Amino acid sequence: MEEKKVDAGTIDQPKSEYDRLWEAVSKDPNDFKSWEELIAVAENVEGGITPNIKPEDVEKIHRVYENFLYKFPLCFGYWKKYSDIEMIIGGVEKAEEVFEKGVNAIHNSIDLWIQYCDFKIQHCKDNEKIRDLFERGAQNVGLDFQSQPFWEKYVEWEETNHEEAKAFAILERVIKIPLHAYTVLFEKYSNLSVTRPITELVPSDKLKEVEEIVDKSLEGKDDKSNREQLIRQEIHKIKSEQYMKVQSEVQKRWEFEMEIKRPYFHVKPLDQFQLKNWRKYLDFEESQGDFYRIYTLYERCLVSCALYEEFWERYAKYLASKGNIQDAVNVFLKAINVFIPPNYPHIRLAFAIFQEEQGNIKEARELYQQTMATVSGHIETIEYYYNFERRQNNIQDAENILTSSLNEATEDNIKIYLTVKLAQFYEKHKQDVDAARKLFKDSIEKFLTNKFFLYNYLQFELRQKDIDSVQENCKELFTIIKSEQCTLSMNEKIVLGKLFYEFLMDRGTSVSLFREIGDDIKKMEQSDKNTTTNNTTGRKRQLTENTAYEQQQKRVATQPMVTPTATMTPQTQAYPSTGYYGDMSAASYQYNPQAAQAYQQNYYGGWDYSQQQQTYQ
């Protein structure tokens, strides 16, 4: 958005409603309400939207719609509105361009395909071009359980043009697909079939089999005038069996379909019942093993659940499991570049792991770096990143990630957790026990009240091989734990003491120390009336619960968003070089026609969906 220059000495003019709303969506592109208000303001031009609209008003409308539909490409109703506006101010060609962008952005929208076909019927006189558009729509939405309106529109158009054979051929395809109103469509097929020649009812090889059966039944009979009727009866049996089979598939899906309350995209969250239903539906469809139906359901799911990381990750993993690696990459990219904000790190970590599995180490590292920059202090990201470098044998880099994260941490729980992790790193991956012990000792005064820290410090000492040193170091640590300076509850202190006591029982060499620690624990138990000797296991388990790590994993990072250091693109699709969630200042938030065109270029999850119809033809 261009900055306005104000001459020195002049009084700033109040912002217009358009400027105010544009600034709002520039700062927060997820503010759907402001977007709606901005669209209304852009459309509310003097004299209404007419072919004589002012150029500056046209520019505003284009700017708003292009940016809105880049951010929310699944809002199919706005594609139709935009096309209607372009029809007024730009004509048929411009309106059709919008429809093309729309069906590429949300390729599985039944409503949008119907609207586009209606538009084409109204403004195009070439039936072959109209038929080609219907076929494109069939490839994209034909397997959708709710696609009955589209198929009916296609059949109706062919019948209007007196192409009964083509209309019947369409119905022949449809009756093989489980659909919501399958019975209605099958009845239409049955009624029409009595008027069609038998050569159109079944493939030629199947017709030959039927004719052989009928001819055999007529052997020895003089009257064979009912031969065609008998053939039709045999074909009817075949179609009835097909009907029962497909109807059974419809019933299997019915319980899931009836629980889908919001099949369209919206920024409002779905309730847990809806999310659970989508999970169960995907589980079911995957168990059936039909790739094309599974693909179709995933694409439907990611309209309703576009803002949920779990479904993007699940879809990508499914595609990868079928060997469609680039398709999976495209799904991950669509998720992180368009739908999932940068301050939701889980999908980005999943993508980084996926890239590492594929041997794309550079790309994986870039993802970790971007996520670290966006959600600094997020423990899961830190742990994934330093372990990634460790797996690459970059031990020093892994250590640097831990130490820098520890130095930058501001919350005590994060500091405690990273301190323990860094000490364990020294011990396990650098074989430097002295460095680990020094870190624990230097930190004990700060974290003396934290059971997670003390438990891990004690476990560290108990793991060492030199028994005499273990006894000495653990005695020193237990002395600190049982002191008044340590504000753990008596129960927690006793549990820690019993860990040491059990070590002395099993591996200790000093009976005096064994007796001394045992006496200390007895005194501590006597001083705490609520402590019993039978729940040690339960208390030990409590020490590992509610750690800083677990708390952090449950917390969604809320740090301000920053511009990623790099933007990755799939091999077959160009994305804008500047991430949508990057620099959101008013000056930078401008419509980029090249970027928008690149995004709208043709995304079908990486899969050539035109192949799917071969199975149902």
Foldseek 3Di string as FASTA:
>chain_A
DDDDDDDPPDDDDDDDLLVVLLQVCLVPVLPVVSLVVNLVVLQPDVPGQALPDDPVSVVSNCFSLLLNCLQVLQPLVSLQVSLVSCCGNPNLVRSLVSLLLNCQSQVQDLVSLLVSLVSCVVPPPDVVVSVVSLLSNCLRHVQPQANVVSLVSNLVVCVVVVNLLVSLVSLLLNLLHNHPPNVVSVVVNVVSVVVDDPPSLDPPVVLVVLLVVLVVVCPPPPDCVCSRVSSVVVSVVVSVVSNVVSVVVNVVCVVLVVPQPDQAADPDDDDPVNVVSLVVNLVVVVVVPDVLSNLSSLSSVCRHPVADLVSLLVVLVVCVVVVNNLLSVQSLQCNDQHHYDLLFLPSLLSVLVSCVVVVNPVVSLLSLQQSCVFQPLQVVSLVSNLVSCVVVVVLVVSLVSLVVSLVPDDDPLSVLVSLLVSLVCCCPVVVNNVVSLVSLVVCCLVCLQALLSLLSNLVSLLPDDPQVSSLVVNVVSLVSNPDPSHPYDLQSSLLSLVVVLVSCVPPNDDVVSNVVSVVVSVVSCVVPVPDDPPCSVVSVVVSPPPGSNVVSVVDRRDDHGEWRPFRDDRPVADADRGRPSHNSRSNVSTDDVVRSCRVSVHDSSSDPSSVVSVVSD
